């Protein structure tokens, strides 16, 4: 495998942390929370 395993693990870890950070921001910011709820209400596609 040519890809650095540590780099892959770091990317996977980052991918797990990003949604948590977004949830923390949404919880702390009512304006962001409203925007996020409006965004979720939109049908995707």
N, C-alpha and C. Protein backbone atom coordinates (compact mmCIF):
# COMPACT_ATOMS: atom_id res chain seq x y z
N UNK A 1 0.85 -1.19 0.00
CA UNK A 1 0.00 0.00 0.00
C UNK A 1 0.89 1.25 0.00
N UNK A 2 0.67 2.12 -0.97
CA UNK A 2 1.54 3.29 -1.09
C UNK A 2 1.09 4.44 -0.21
N UNK A 3 -0.22 4.51 0.08
CA UNK A 3 -0.70 5.59 0.95
C UNK A 3 -0.17 5.39 2.37
N UNK A 4 0.23 6.48 2.97
CA UNK A 4 0.71 6.44 4.35
C UNK A 4 -0.47 6.10 5.27
N UNK A 5 -0.37 5.00 5.99
CA UNK A 5 -1.47 4.58 6.86
C UNK A 5 -1.80 5.63 7.91
N UNK A 6 -0.79 6.33 8.40
CA UNK A 6 -1.05 7.37 9.39
C UNK A 6 -1.88 8.50 8.79
N UNK A 7 -1.61 8.83 7.54
CA UNK A 7 -2.38 9.88 6.87
C UNK A 7 -3.83 9.44 6.71
N UNK A 8 -4.01 8.18 6.33
CA UNK A 8 -5.36 7.65 6.17
C UNK A 8 -6.10 7.68 7.50
N UNK A 9 -5.43 7.25 8.56
CA UNK A 9 -6.08 7.25 9.88
C UNK A 9 -6.43 8.67 10.30
N UNK A 10 -5.54 9.62 10.02
CA UNK A 10 -5.81 11.01 10.38
C UNK A 10 -7.04 11.53 9.63
N UNK A 11 -7.15 11.18 8.35
CA UNK A 11 -8.31 11.61 7.57
C UNK A 11 -9.60 11.00 8.12
N UNK A 12 -9.55 9.72 8.46
CA UNK A 12 -10.73 9.06 9.01
C UNK A 12 -11.13 9.70 10.33
N UNK A 13 -10.13 10.00 11.16
CA UNK A 13 -10.39 10.61 12.46
C UNK A 13 -11.00 12.00 12.24
N UNK A 14 -10.46 12.76 11.30
CA UNK A 14 -10.97 14.08 10.98
C UNK A 14 -12.42 13.98 10.53
N UNK A 15 -12.71 12.98 9.71
CA UNK A 15 -14.06 12.79 9.19
C UNK A 15 -15.04 12.50 10.32
N UNK A 16 -14.57 11.82 11.38
CA UNK A 16 -15.43 11.54 12.53
C UNK A 16 -15.63 12.80 13.38
N UNK A 17 -14.61 13.65 13.44
CA UNK A 17 -14.66 14.81 14.33
C UNK A 17 -15.45 15.97 13.74
N UNK A 18 -15.46 16.11 12.42
CA UNK A 18 -16.10 17.27 11.81
C UNK A 18 -17.59 17.37 12.15
N UNK A 19 -18.38 16.28 12.00
CA UNK A 19 -19.80 16.41 12.35
C UNK A 19 -20.02 16.78 13.81
N UNK A 20 -19.16 16.28 14.70
CA UNK A 20 -19.27 16.61 16.12
C UNK A 20 -19.05 18.10 16.32
N UNK A 21 -18.03 18.65 15.65
CA UNK A 21 -17.74 20.08 15.76
C UNK A 21 -18.91 20.90 15.24
N UNK A 22 -19.50 20.47 14.13
CA UNK A 22 -20.65 21.19 13.57
C UNK A 22 -21.81 21.17 14.55
N UNK A 23 -22.04 20.02 15.20
CA UNK A 23 -23.12 19.93 16.18
C UNK A 23 -22.85 20.86 17.36
N UNK A 24 -21.58 20.94 17.79
CA UNK A 24 -21.22 21.82 18.90
C UNK A 24 -21.49 23.28 18.53
N UNK A 25 -21.13 23.65 17.31
CA UNK A 25 -21.36 25.02 16.86
C UNK A 25 -22.86 25.30 16.82
N UNK A 26 -23.62 24.36 16.28
CA UNK A 26 -25.07 24.53 16.18
C UNK A 26 -25.69 24.67 17.57
N UNK A 27 -25.19 23.90 18.52
CA UNK A 27 -25.74 23.97 19.87
C UNK A 27 -25.42 25.30 20.53
N UNK A 28 -24.26 25.87 20.19
CA UNK A 28 -23.83 27.11 20.81
C UNK A 28 -24.41 28.34 20.12
N UNK A 29 -24.84 28.20 18.87
CA UNK A 29 -25.26 29.36 18.07
C UNK A 29 -26.69 29.18 17.58
N UNK A 30 -27.65 29.86 18.20
CA UNK A 30 -29.06 29.68 17.82
C UNK A 30 -29.33 30.06 16.37
N UNK A 31 -28.63 31.06 15.84
CA UNK A 31 -28.83 31.45 14.44
C UNK A 31 -28.39 30.32 13.53
N UNK A 32 -27.23 29.73 13.85
CA UNK A 32 -26.73 28.61 13.05
C UNK A 32 -27.69 27.42 13.17
N UNK A 33 -28.21 27.21 14.38
CA UNK A 33 -29.12 26.08 14.60
C UNK A 33 -30.36 26.24 13.72
N UNK A 34 -30.90 27.45 13.65
CA UNK A 34 -32.06 27.70 12.80
C UNK A 34 -31.73 27.41 11.34
N UNK A 35 -30.56 27.86 10.90
CA UNK A 35 -30.14 27.63 9.51
C UNK A 35 -29.97 26.14 9.25
N UNK A 36 -29.41 25.42 10.21
CA UNK A 36 -29.20 23.99 10.03
C UNK A 36 -30.54 23.26 9.96
N UNK A 37 -31.50 23.67 10.78
CA UNK A 37 -32.82 23.03 10.76
C UNK A 37 -33.51 23.32 9.43
N UNK A 38 -33.40 24.54 8.93
CA UNK A 38 -34.00 24.90 7.65
C UNK A 38 -33.36 24.08 6.54
N UNK A 39 -32.05 23.88 6.65
CA UNK A 39 -31.31 23.12 5.64
C UNK A 39 -31.76 21.65 5.67
N UNK A 40 -31.99 21.10 6.86
CA UNK A 40 -32.43 19.71 6.98
C UNK A 40 -33.84 19.54 6.45
N UNK A 41 -34.66 20.59 6.55
CA UNK A 41 -36.05 20.51 6.09
C UNK A 41 -36.13 20.45 4.57
N UNK A 42 -35.12 20.97 3.89
CA UNK A 42 -35.09 20.94 2.42
C UNK A 42 -34.88 19.49 1.95
N UNK A 43 -35.66 19.03 0.99
CA UNK A 43 -35.39 17.70 0.44
C UNK A 43 -34.09 17.72 -0.36
N UNK A 44 -33.20 16.79 -0.07
CA UNK A 44 -31.91 16.78 -0.77
C UNK A 44 -32.04 16.03 -2.09
N UNK A 45 -31.29 16.49 -3.09
CA UNK A 45 -31.33 15.83 -4.37
C UNK A 45 -31.60 16.86 -5.40
